[in-house]
Amino acid sequence: MKFNPYLFFNGECRAAFEFYRDVFSGRIAMMMTAGESPMKDQIPPDQRDTIMHVRLEVGEQVLMGSDAPPERWQKPQGLAVTINVDDPVEAERLFARLSEDGSIGMPIQETFYAQRFGMCIDRFGTPWMINGGPKQTGA
């Protein structure tokens, strides 16, 4: 079993996933606009350029998303996409990129459970938690 986060956007899905592709050095395996879908005749003309579905692959991990219909979009709340990396330097890089033009809930720092941990919301409204390197215990 795998869990795959599915993110909804308010018209910014394409820009968000192009950004995530660059941040995570991933590959957009599929991106379809509403106007390219088999349902295109049922989509209002002003919404045909919105993203109906996108799939970003980063190694064996998958992040998916779409633009929500305007009347159904809600700001994300009560969740965060969590990233775990072994290298604290990579955690800092990811945090810096994801927090660019966004907001920081907890600056990336050492905690009792990780060499680096931070929380931010990116410029597209997606909440992230970054864990970098398990806490090393001395013997």
C-alpha atoms as a PDB file:
ATOM      1  CA  MET A   1       0.000   0.000   0.000  1.00  0.00           C
ATOM      2  CA  LYS A   2       1.126   3.554  -0.727  1.00  0.00           C
ATOM      3  CA  PHE A   3      -0.396   6.868   0.242  1.00  0.00           C
ATOM      4  CA  ASN A   4      -0.178   9.584  -2.402  1.00  0.00           C
ATOM      5  CA  PRO A   5      -0.985  13.175  -1.467  1.00  0.00           C
ATOM      6  CA  TYR A   6      -3.441  14.824  -3.845  1.00  0.00           C
ATOM      7  CA  LEU A   7      -3.337  18.611  -3.787  1.00  0.00           C
ATOM      8  CA  PHE A   8      -6.075  20.979  -4.936  1.00  0.00           C
ATOM      9  CA  PHE A   9      -5.432  24.474  -6.248  1.00  0.00           C
ATOM     10  CA  ASN A  10      -7.399  27.547  -7.188  1.00  0.00           C
ATOM     11  CA  GLY A  11      -6.145  27.932 -10.753  1.00  0.00           C
ATOM     12  CA  GLU A  12      -2.425  27.669  -9.896  1.00  0.00           C
ATOM     13  CA  CYS A  13      -1.908  23.914 -10.279  1.00  0.00           C
ATOM     14  CA  ARG A  14       0.311  24.146 -13.377  1.00  0.00           C
ATOM     15  CA  ALA A  15       2.624  26.736 -11.777  1.00  0.00           C
ATOM     16  CA  ALA A  16       2.714  24.805  -8.487  1.00  0.00           C
ATOM     17  CA  PHE A  17       3.660  21.496 -10.092  1.00  0.00           C
ATOM     18  CA  GLU A  18       6.282  23.078 -12.326  1.00  0.00           C
ATOM     19  CA  PHE A  19       7.749  24.565  -9.140  1.00  0.00           C
ATOM     20  CA  TYR A  20       7.568  21.215  -7.291  1.00  0.00           C
ATOM     21  CA  ARG A  21       9.193  19.472 -10.279  1.00  0.00           C
ATOM     22  CA  ASP A  22      12.143  21.842  -9.964  1.00  0.00           C
ATOM     23  CA  VAL A  23      12.350  21.730  -6.152  1.00  0.00           C
ATOM     24  CA  PHE A  24      12.258  17.931  -5.974  1.00  0.00           C
ATOM     25  CA  SER A  25      14.076  17.216  -9.272  1.00  0.00           C
ATOM     26  CA  GLY A  26      11.048  15.213 -10.337  1.00  0.00           C
ATOM     27  CA  ARG A  27       9.305  14.421 -13.584  1.00  0.00           C
ATOM     28  CA  ILE A  28       5.799  15.448 -14.570  1.00  0.00           C
ATOM     29  CA  ALA A  29       4.552  12.135 -15.925  1.00  0.00           C
ATOM     30  CA  MET A  30       1.114  13.421 -16.878  1.00  0.00           C
ATOM     31  CA  MET A  31      -0.688  16.763 -17.000  1.00  0.00           C
ATOM     32  CA  MET A  32      -4.123  17.220 -18.556  1.00  0.00           C
ATOM     33  CA  THR A  33      -6.153  20.394 -18.801  1.00  0.00           C
ATOM     34  CA  ALA A  34      -9.917  20.345 -18.472  1.00  0.00           C
ATOM     35  CA  GLY A  35     -10.074  21.309 -22.150  1.00  0.00           C
ATOM     36  CA  GLU A  36      -8.074  18.216 -23.123  1.00  0.00           C
ATOM     37  CA  SER A  37     -10.286  15.819 -21.187  1.00  0.00           C
ATOM     38  CA  PRO A  38     -13.077  13.663 -22.611  1.00  0.00           C
ATOM     39  CA  MET A  39     -15.444  15.907 -20.585  1.00  0.00           C
ATOM     40  CA  LYS A  40     -14.277  19.124 -22.300  1.00  0.00           C
ATOM     41  CA  ASP A  41     -17.738  19.892 -23.716  1.00  0.00           C
ATOM     42  CA  GLN A  42     -19.140  19.936 -20.164  1.00  0.00           C
ATOM     43  CA  ILE A  43     -16.487  22.392 -18.902  1.00  0.00           C
ATOM     44  CA  PRO A  44     -17.204  26.137 -19.025  1.00  0.00           C
ATOM     45  CA  PRO A  45     -14.910  27.801 -21.605  1.00  0.00           C
ATOM     46  CA  ASP A  46     -13.214  29.975 -18.950  1.00  0.00           C
ATOM     47  CA  GLN A  47     -12.130  26.829 -17.042  1.00  0.00           C
ATOM     48  CA  ARG A  48     -10.732  24.766 -19.931  1.00  0.00           C
ATOM     49  CA  ASP A  49      -7.129  25.819 -19.241  1.00  0.00           C
ATOM     50  CA  THR A  50      -7.309  24.637 -15.631  1.00  0.00           C
ATOM     51  CA  ILE A  51      -5.553  21.402 -14.715  1.00  0.00           C
ATOM     52  CA  MET A  52      -7.843  18.394 -14.423  1.00  0.00           C
ATOM     53  CA  HIS A  53      -5.047  16.066 -13.278  1.00  0.00           C
ATOM     54  CA  VAL A  54      -1.271  16.105 -12.858  1.00  0.00           C
ATOM     55  CA  ARG A  55       1.145  13.422 -11.678  1.00  0.00           C
ATOM     56  CA  LEU A  56       4.641  14.265 -10.449  1.00  0.00           C
ATOM     57  CA  GLU A  57       7.062  11.387  -9.945  1.00  0.00           C
ATOM     58  CA  VAL A  58      10.083  11.786  -7.676  1.00  0.00           C
ATOM     59  CA  GLY A  59      11.892   8.473  -7.609  1.00  0.00           C
ATOM     60  CA  GLU A  60       9.236   6.016  -6.448  1.00  0.00           C
ATOM     61  CA  GLN A  61       7.163   8.749  -4.790  1.00  0.00           C
ATOM     62  CA  VAL A  62       4.118  10.355  -6.397  1.00  0.00           C
ATOM     63  CA  LEU A  63       2.471  13.720  -5.816  1.00  0.00           C
ATOM     64  CA  MET A  64      -0.776  14.418  -7.661  1.00  0.00           C
ATOM     65  CA  GLY A  65      -3.098  17.359  -7.981  1.00  0.00           C
ATOM     66  CA  SER A  66      -5.608  19.422  -9.909  1.00  0.00           C
ATOM     67  CA  ASP A  67      -7.361  22.755  -9.963  1.00  0.00           C
ATOM     68  CA  ALA A  68     -10.610  22.555  -8.037  1.00  0.00           C
ATOM     69  CA  PRO A  69     -13.711  24.053  -9.623  1.00  0.00           C
ATOM     70  CA  PRO A  70     -13.863  27.643  -8.320  1.00  0.00           C
ATOM     71  CA  GLU A  71     -17.016  26.986  -6.302  1.00  0.00           C
ATOM     72  CA  ARG A  72     -15.413  23.974  -4.571  1.00  0.00           C
ATOM     73  CA  TRP A  73     -11.916  25.230  -3.783  1.00  0.00           C
ATOM     74  CA  GLN A  74     -11.015  25.589  -0.112  1.00  0.00           C
ATOM     75  CA  LYS A  75      -7.782  26.666   1.488  1.00  0.00           C
ATOM     76  CA  PRO A  76      -5.904  23.595   2.838  1.00  0.00           C
ATOM     77  CA  GLN A  77      -6.242  23.156   6.581  1.00  0.00           C
ATOM     78  CA  GLY A  78      -5.610  20.446   9.103  1.00  0.00           C
ATOM     79  CA  LEU A  79      -2.896  18.699   7.072  1.00  0.00           C
ATOM     80  CA  ALA A  80       0.672  18.987   5.806  1.00  0.00           C
ATOM     81  CA  VAL A  81       2.723  17.128   3.248  1.00  0.00           C
ATOM     82  CA  THR A  82       5.693  15.714   5.166  1.00  0.00           C
ATOM     83  CA  ILE A  83       9.084  15.146   3.590  1.00  0.00           C
ATOM     84  CA  ASN A  84      11.721  12.988   5.255  1.00  0.00           C
ATOM     85  CA  VAL A  85      15.310  13.157   4.012  1.00  0.00           C
ATOM     86  CA  ASP A  86      18.454  11.671   5.533  1.00  0.00           C
ATOM     87  CA  ASP A  87      20.639  14.719   4.926  1.00  0.00           C
ATOM     88  CA  PRO A  88      20.099  17.843   7.085  1.00  0.00           C
ATOM     89  CA  VAL A  89      21.666  19.992   4.345  1.00  0.00           C
ATOM     90  CA  GLU A  90      19.082  18.721   1.850  1.00  0.00           C
ATOM     91  CA  ALA A  91      16.345  19.427   4.405  1.00  0.00           C
ATOM     92  CA  GLU A  92      17.542  23.031   4.648  1.00  0.00           C
ATOM     93  CA  ARG A  93      17.598  23.368   0.844  1.00  0.00           C
ATOM     94  CA  LEU A  94      14.063  22.004   0.508  1.00  0.00           C
ATOM     95  CA  PHE A  95      12.786  24.223   3.308  1.00  0.00           C
ATOM     96  CA  ALA A  96      14.388  27.321   1.764  1.00  0.00           C
ATOM     97  CA  ARG A  97      12.857  26.597  -1.648  1.00  0.00           C
ATOM     98  CA  LEU A  98       9.388  25.693  -0.374  1.00  0.00           C
ATOM     99  CA  SER A  99       9.174  28.703   1.935  1.00  0.00           C
ATOM    100  CA  GLU A 100      10.207  31.202  -0.804  1.00  0.00           C
ATOM    101  CA  ASP A 101       7.409  33.772  -1.059  1.00  0.00           C
ATOM    102  CA  GLY A 102       5.358  31.663   1.378  1.00  0.00           C
ATOM    103  CA  SER A 103       5.166  31.700   5.152  1.00  0.00           C
ATOM    104  CA  ILE A 104       7.170  29.987   7.869  1.00  0.00           C
ATOM    105  CA  GLY A 105       5.298  28.315  10.713  1.00  0.00           C
ATOM    106  CA  MET A 106       8.439  26.981  12.395  1.00  0.00           C
ATOM    107  CA  PRO A 107      11.918  27.877  11.170  1.00  0.00           C
ATOM    108  CA  ILE A 108      14.045  24.905  10.239  1.00  0.00           C
ATOM    109  CA  GLN A 109      16.125  23.934  13.255  1.00  0.00           C
ATOM    110  CA  GLU A 110      17.397  21.124  15.413  1.00  0.00           C
ATOM    111  CA  THR A 111      14.771  19.407  17.541  1.00  0.00           C
ATOM    112  CA  PHE A 112      14.788  16.560  20.028  1.00  0.00           C
ATOM    113  CA  TYR A 113      13.809  14.142  17.216  1.00  0.00           C
ATOM    114  CA  ALA A 114      15.595  15.455  14.110  1.00  0.00           C
ATOM    115  CA  GLN A 115      18.771  17.221  13.105  1.00  0.00           C
ATOM    116  CA  ARG A 116      16.521  19.571  11.147  1.00  0.00           C
ATOM    117  CA  PHE A 117      12.773  20.148  11.234  1.00  0.00           C
ATOM    118  CA  GLY A 118      10.709  23.018   9.906  1.00  0.00           C
ATOM    119  CA  MET A 119       7.159  23.901   8.866  1.00  0.00           C
ATOM    120  CA  CYS A 120       6.095  26.255   6.103  1.00  0.00           C
ATOM    121  CA  ILE A 121       3.304  27.037   3.687  1.00  0.00           C
ATOM    122  CA  ASP A 122       4.470  27.541   0.125  1.00  0.00           C
ATOM    123  CA  ARG A 123       3.378  30.409  -2.128  1.00  0.00           C
ATOM    124  CA  PHE A 124       0.590  28.204  -3.516  1.00  0.00           C
ATOM    125  CA  GLY A 125      -0.913  27.534  -0.065  1.00  0.00           C
ATOM    126  CA  THR A 126       0.366  23.981   0.461  1.00  0.00           C
ATOM    127  CA  PRO A 127       1.525  23.235   4.047  1.00  0.00           C
ATOM    128  CA  TRP A 128       4.830  21.329   4.339  1.00  0.00           C
ATOM    129  CA  MET A 129       6.788  19.718   7.179  1.00  0.00           C
ATOM    130  CA  ILE A 130      10.443  18.930   6.472  1.00  0.00           C
ATOM    131  CA  ASN A 131      12.390  16.367   8.524  1.00  0.00           C
ATOM    132  CA  GLY A 132      16.114  16.173   7.887  1.00  0.00           C
ATOM    133  CA  GLY A 133      18.176  13.442   9.441  1.00  0.00           C
ATOM    134  CA  PRO A 134      17.141  11.482  12.505  1.00  0.00           C
ATOM    135  CA  LYS A 135      18.517  12.768  15.763  1.00  0.00           C
ATOM    136  CA  GLN A 136      21.913  11.273  16.443  1.00  0.00           C
ATOM    137  CA  THR A 137      22.389   9.982  19.953  1.00  0.00           C
ATOM    138  CA  GLY A 138      25.840   9.667  21.430  1.00  0.00           C
ATOM    139  CA  ALA A 139      27.002   6.577  23.259  1.00  0.00           C
END
